[in-house]
Amino acid sequence: MSIQPNQCTVFVQVWADVNSMKQGSTSGCYAVCNKSQDSTGEGTANLKTNVISGSNVCWTVVPIDPQFNGDFTITAVGAKSGWATPPAPVPGLSNTFTGKLETGTVGGTVDSNIQFSYNGGSESITVTLPVVITPVEA
């Protein structure tokens, strides 16, 4: 059973500049987290954030282009270890993954790199952005 986005307390969004990606550049991809007071690299392609163990986390990819009519699909989020419920796609939402963080299985940080694909018709680009989550106790 997948975790629904409305059950999450931590949201990681990737804002993707479609025009930059069309030119073959990933420099227009920016990761942000609603826990910005506990994050570094906010608004860059290298987000690191502290998340309370046991939290449900939601990842989404959002285009920075109001006229965008292509498709973003998250293909993977991080490693399988460090999660009570590993990151997985939300049925019906190709640009959304959710998972439940668990500190008991890892020491230190959890690889939460987000890999997504842009499909704009004849063009298809896959990007991996580094995202690191450090589990902390409440």
C-alpha atoms as a PDB file:
ATOM      1  CA  MET A   1       0.000   0.000   0.000  1.00  0.00           C
ATOM      2  CA  SER A   2       1.512   3.314  -1.027  1.00  0.00           C
ATOM      3  CA  ILE A   3       1.700   6.371   1.186  1.00  0.00           C
ATOM      4  CA  GLN A   4      -0.502   9.176  -0.117  1.00  0.00           C
ATOM      5  CA  PRO A   5       1.018  12.675  -0.361  1.00  0.00           C
ATOM      6  CA  ASN A   6      -1.515  14.050   2.148  1.00  0.00           C
ATOM      7  CA  GLN A   7      -0.023  11.640   4.730  1.00  0.00           C
ATOM      8  CA  CYS A   8       3.440  13.234   4.392  1.00  0.00           C
ATOM      9  CA  THR A   9       5.040  15.789   6.697  1.00  0.00           C
ATOM     10  CA  VAL A  10       8.207  16.296   4.641  1.00  0.00           C
ATOM     11  CA  PHE A  11       8.039  17.486   1.040  1.00  0.00           C
ATOM     12  CA  VAL A  12      11.029  17.580  -1.307  1.00  0.00           C
ATOM     13  CA  GLN A  13      10.299  19.359  -4.564  1.00  0.00           C
ATOM     14  CA  VAL A  14      12.509  19.603  -7.611  1.00  0.00           C
ATOM     15  CA  TRP A  15      11.800  22.624  -9.770  1.00  0.00           C
ATOM     16  CA  ALA A  16      12.989  21.898 -13.294  1.00  0.00           C
ATOM     17  CA  ASP A  17      13.669  24.640 -15.832  1.00  0.00           C
ATOM     18  CA  VAL A  18      12.261  23.037 -18.965  1.00  0.00           C
ATOM     19  CA  ASN A  19      14.035  25.430 -21.336  1.00  0.00           C
ATOM     20  CA  SER A  20      17.402  24.679 -19.736  1.00  0.00           C
ATOM     21  CA  MET A  21      16.765  20.943 -19.983  1.00  0.00           C
ATOM     22  CA  LYS A  22      15.794  21.301 -23.667  1.00  0.00           C
ATOM     23  CA  GLN A  23      19.257  22.762 -24.214  1.00  0.00           C
ATOM     24  CA  GLY A  24      20.789  19.684 -22.566  1.00  0.00           C
ATOM     25  CA  SER A  25      21.659  21.423 -19.285  1.00  0.00           C
ATOM     26  CA  THR A  26      20.652  20.344 -15.797  1.00  0.00           C
ATOM     27  CA  SER A  27      21.809  23.641 -14.280  1.00  0.00           C
ATOM     28  CA  GLY A  28      18.173  24.723 -14.128  1.00  0.00           C
ATOM     29  CA  CYS A  29      17.132  22.039 -11.617  1.00  0.00           C
ATOM     30  CA  TYR A  30      16.600  23.187  -8.036  1.00  0.00           C
ATOM     31  CA  ALA A  31      15.684  21.075  -4.988  1.00  0.00           C
ATOM     32  CA  VAL A  32      13.786  22.543  -2.033  1.00  0.00           C
ATOM     33  CA  CYS A  33      12.318  21.090   1.153  1.00  0.00           C
ATOM     34  CA  ASN A  34       9.584  22.340   3.455  1.00  0.00           C
ATOM     35  CA  LYS A  35      12.058  21.702   6.311  1.00  0.00           C
ATOM     36  CA  SER A  36      14.341  24.480   5.018  1.00  0.00           C
ATOM     37  CA  GLN A  37      15.366  25.495   8.545  1.00  0.00           C
ATOM     38  CA  ASP A  38      16.947  22.031   8.780  1.00  0.00           C
ATOM     39  CA  SER A  39      18.424  22.014   5.255  1.00  0.00           C
ATOM     40  CA  THR A  40      21.511  23.113   3.394  1.00  0.00           C
ATOM     41  CA  GLY A  41      21.721  23.536  -0.352  1.00  0.00           C
ATOM     42  CA  GLU A  42      18.123  24.751  -0.437  1.00  0.00           C
ATOM     43  CA  GLY A  43      17.326  26.000  -3.962  1.00  0.00           C
ATOM     44  CA  THR A  44      20.327  24.236  -5.519  1.00  0.00           C
ATOM     45  CA  ALA A  45      20.884  20.867  -7.149  1.00  0.00           C
ATOM     46  CA  ASN A  46      22.515  19.552  -3.915  1.00  0.00           C
ATOM     47  CA  LEU A  47      19.941  19.418  -1.127  1.00  0.00           C
ATOM     48  CA  LYS A  48      20.815  18.014   2.317  1.00  0.00           C
ATOM     49  CA  THR A  49      18.128  17.974   4.984  1.00  0.00           C
ATOM     50  CA  ASN A  50      17.499  16.615   8.488  1.00  0.00           C
ATOM     51  CA  VAL A  51      14.274  14.633   8.838  1.00  0.00           C
ATOM     52  CA  ILE A  52      12.723  13.159  11.973  1.00  0.00           C
ATOM     53  CA  SER A  53      12.869   9.367  11.926  1.00  0.00           C
ATOM     54  CA  GLY A  54       9.469   7.843  11.195  1.00  0.00           C
ATOM     55  CA  SER A  55       8.420  10.736   8.928  1.00  0.00           C
ATOM     56  CA  ASN A  56       6.592  10.193   5.664  1.00  0.00           C
ATOM     57  CA  VAL A  57       8.477  11.917   2.830  1.00  0.00           C
ATOM     58  CA  CYS A  58       7.052  13.022  -0.525  1.00  0.00           C
ATOM     59  CA  TRP A  59       9.126  13.892  -3.625  1.00  0.00           C
ATOM     60  CA  THR A  60       7.685  15.736  -6.623  1.00  0.00           C
ATOM     61  CA  VAL A  61       9.060  17.273  -9.814  1.00  0.00           C
ATOM     62  CA  VAL A  62       7.502  20.566 -10.914  1.00  0.00           C
ATOM     63  CA  PRO A  63       8.236  22.318 -14.230  1.00  0.00           C
ATOM     64  CA  ILE A  64       9.267  25.976 -14.227  1.00  0.00           C
ATOM     65  CA  ASP A  65       7.344  26.835 -17.365  1.00  0.00           C
ATOM     66  CA  PRO A  66       3.633  27.698 -17.327  1.00  0.00           C
ATOM     67  CA  GLN A  67       3.278  26.569 -20.948  1.00  0.00           C
ATOM     68  CA  PHE A  68       4.920  23.169 -20.403  1.00  0.00           C
ATOM     69  CA  ASN A  69       2.805  20.365 -21.839  1.00  0.00           C
ATOM     70  CA  GLY A  70       5.306  17.510 -21.692  1.00  0.00           C
ATOM     71  CA  ASP A  71       5.736  14.920 -18.978  1.00  0.00           C
ATOM     72  CA  PHE A  72       8.006  14.512 -15.949  1.00  0.00           C
ATOM     73  CA  THR A  73       8.314  11.038 -14.494  1.00  0.00           C
ATOM     74  CA  ILE A  74      10.251  10.111 -11.361  1.00  0.00           C
ATOM     75  CA  THR A  75      12.018   6.844 -12.140  1.00  0.00           C
ATOM     76  CA  ALA A  76      13.822   6.271  -8.822  1.00  0.00           C
ATOM     77  CA  VAL A  77      14.496   7.795  -5.410  1.00  0.00           C
ATOM     78  CA  GLY A  78      17.617   6.766  -3.509  1.00  0.00           C
ATOM     79  CA  ALA A  79      18.608   3.460  -2.048  1.00  0.00           C
ATOM     80  CA  LYS A  80      16.298   0.872  -0.512  1.00  0.00           C
ATOM     81  CA  SER A  81      17.980   0.948   2.915  1.00  0.00           C
ATOM     82  CA  GLY A  82      16.978   3.502   5.527  1.00  0.00           C
ATOM     83  CA  TRP A  83      13.265   3.246   4.866  1.00  0.00           C
ATOM     84  CA  ALA A  84      10.441   1.521   6.732  1.00  0.00           C
ATOM     85  CA  THR A  85       8.511   1.951   3.469  1.00  0.00           C
ATOM     86  CA  PRO A  86      10.973   2.392   0.570  1.00  0.00           C
ATOM     87  CA  PRO A  87      10.350   5.320  -1.808  1.00  0.00           C
ATOM     88  CA  ALA A  88       7.842   4.268  -4.453  1.00  0.00           C
ATOM     89  CA  PRO A  89       5.597   5.910  -7.044  1.00  0.00           C
ATOM     90  CA  VAL A  90       2.151   7.088  -6.041  1.00  0.00           C
ATOM     91  CA  PRO A  91      -0.375   5.382  -8.363  1.00  0.00           C
ATOM     92  CA  GLY A  92      -1.708   7.826 -10.943  1.00  0.00           C
ATOM     93  CA  LEU A  93       0.954  10.485 -10.230  1.00  0.00           C
ATOM     94  CA  SER A  94       4.035   9.878 -12.392  1.00  0.00           C
ATOM     95  CA  ASN A  95       5.896  12.847 -10.880  1.00  0.00           C
ATOM     96  CA  THR A  96       5.360  11.840  -7.215  1.00  0.00           C
ATOM     97  CA  PHE A  97       7.103   9.309  -4.945  1.00  0.00           C
ATOM     98  CA  THR A  98       6.548   8.720  -1.213  1.00  0.00           C
ATOM     99  CA  GLY A  99       8.344   6.750   1.506  1.00  0.00           C
ATOM    100  CA  LYS A 100       8.670   6.435   5.294  1.00  0.00           C
ATOM    101  CA  LEU A 101      12.064   7.161   6.854  1.00  0.00           C
ATOM    102  CA  GLU A 102      13.499   4.778   9.455  1.00  0.00           C
ATOM    103  CA  THR A 103      16.829   5.260  11.229  1.00  0.00           C
ATOM    104  CA  GLY A 104      17.133   1.736  12.597  1.00  0.00           C
ATOM    105  CA  THR A 105      18.528   0.305   9.369  1.00  0.00           C
ATOM    106  CA  VAL A 106      21.306   2.831   8.682  1.00  0.00           C
ATOM    107  CA  GLY A 107      23.857   4.925  10.462  1.00  0.00           C
ATOM    108  CA  GLY A 108      24.324   8.463   9.208  1.00  0.00           C
ATOM    109  CA  THR A 109      22.679   9.649   6.024  1.00  0.00           C
ATOM    110  CA  VAL A 110      20.181   8.080   3.649  1.00  0.00           C
ATOM    111  CA  ASP A 111      20.770   8.277  -0.110  1.00  0.00           C
ATOM    112  CA  SER A 112      17.673  10.029  -1.412  1.00  0.00           C
ATOM    113  CA  ASN A 113      18.915  11.001  -4.873  1.00  0.00           C
ATOM    114  CA  ILE A 114      16.007  11.715  -7.150  1.00  0.00           C
ATOM    115  CA  GLN A 115      16.114  10.467 -10.739  1.00  0.00           C
ATOM    116  CA  PHE A 116      13.522  11.820 -13.124  1.00  0.00           C
ATOM    117  CA  SER A 117      12.903  11.919 -16.838  1.00  0.00           C
ATOM    118  CA  TYR A 118      11.618  14.716 -18.999  1.00  0.00           C
ATOM    119  CA  ASN A 119       9.717  13.723 -22.085  1.00  0.00           C
ATOM    120  CA  GLY A 120       8.880  16.562 -24.450  1.00  0.00           C
ATOM    121  CA  GLY A 121       7.803  14.609 -27.498  1.00  0.00           C
ATOM    122  CA  SER A 122      10.900  13.961 -29.598  1.00  0.00           C
ATOM    123  CA  GLU A 123      13.225  14.787 -26.688  1.00  0.00           C
ATOM    124  CA  SER A 124      13.821  12.660 -23.610  1.00  0.00           C
ATOM    125  CA  ILE A 125      16.310  13.557 -20.876  1.00  0.00           C
ATOM    126  CA  THR A 126      17.013  11.717 -17.602  1.00  0.00           C
ATOM    127  CA  VAL A 127      18.485  13.636 -14.655  1.00  0.00           C
ATOM    128  CA  THR A 128      19.742  12.514 -11.241  1.00  0.00           C
ATOM    129  CA  LEU A 129      19.942  15.163  -8.523  1.00  0.00           C
ATOM    130  CA  PRO A 130      21.774  14.433  -5.264  1.00  0.00           C
ATOM    131  CA  VAL A 131      19.490  14.645  -2.238  1.00  0.00           C
ATOM    132  CA  VAL A 132      20.745  13.494   1.164  1.00  0.00           C
ATOM    133  CA  ILE A 133      18.467  12.962   4.160  1.00  0.00           C
ATOM    134  CA  THR A 134      19.923  12.672   7.657  1.00  0.00           C
ATOM    135  CA  PRO A 135      17.541  10.942  10.074  1.00  0.00           C
ATOM    136  CA  VAL A 136      17.273  12.697  13.446  1.00  0.00           C
ATOM    137  CA  GLU A 137      15.308  11.990  16.583  1.00  0.00           C
ATOM    138  CA  ALA A 138      12.396  14.286  17.522  1.00  0.00           C
END
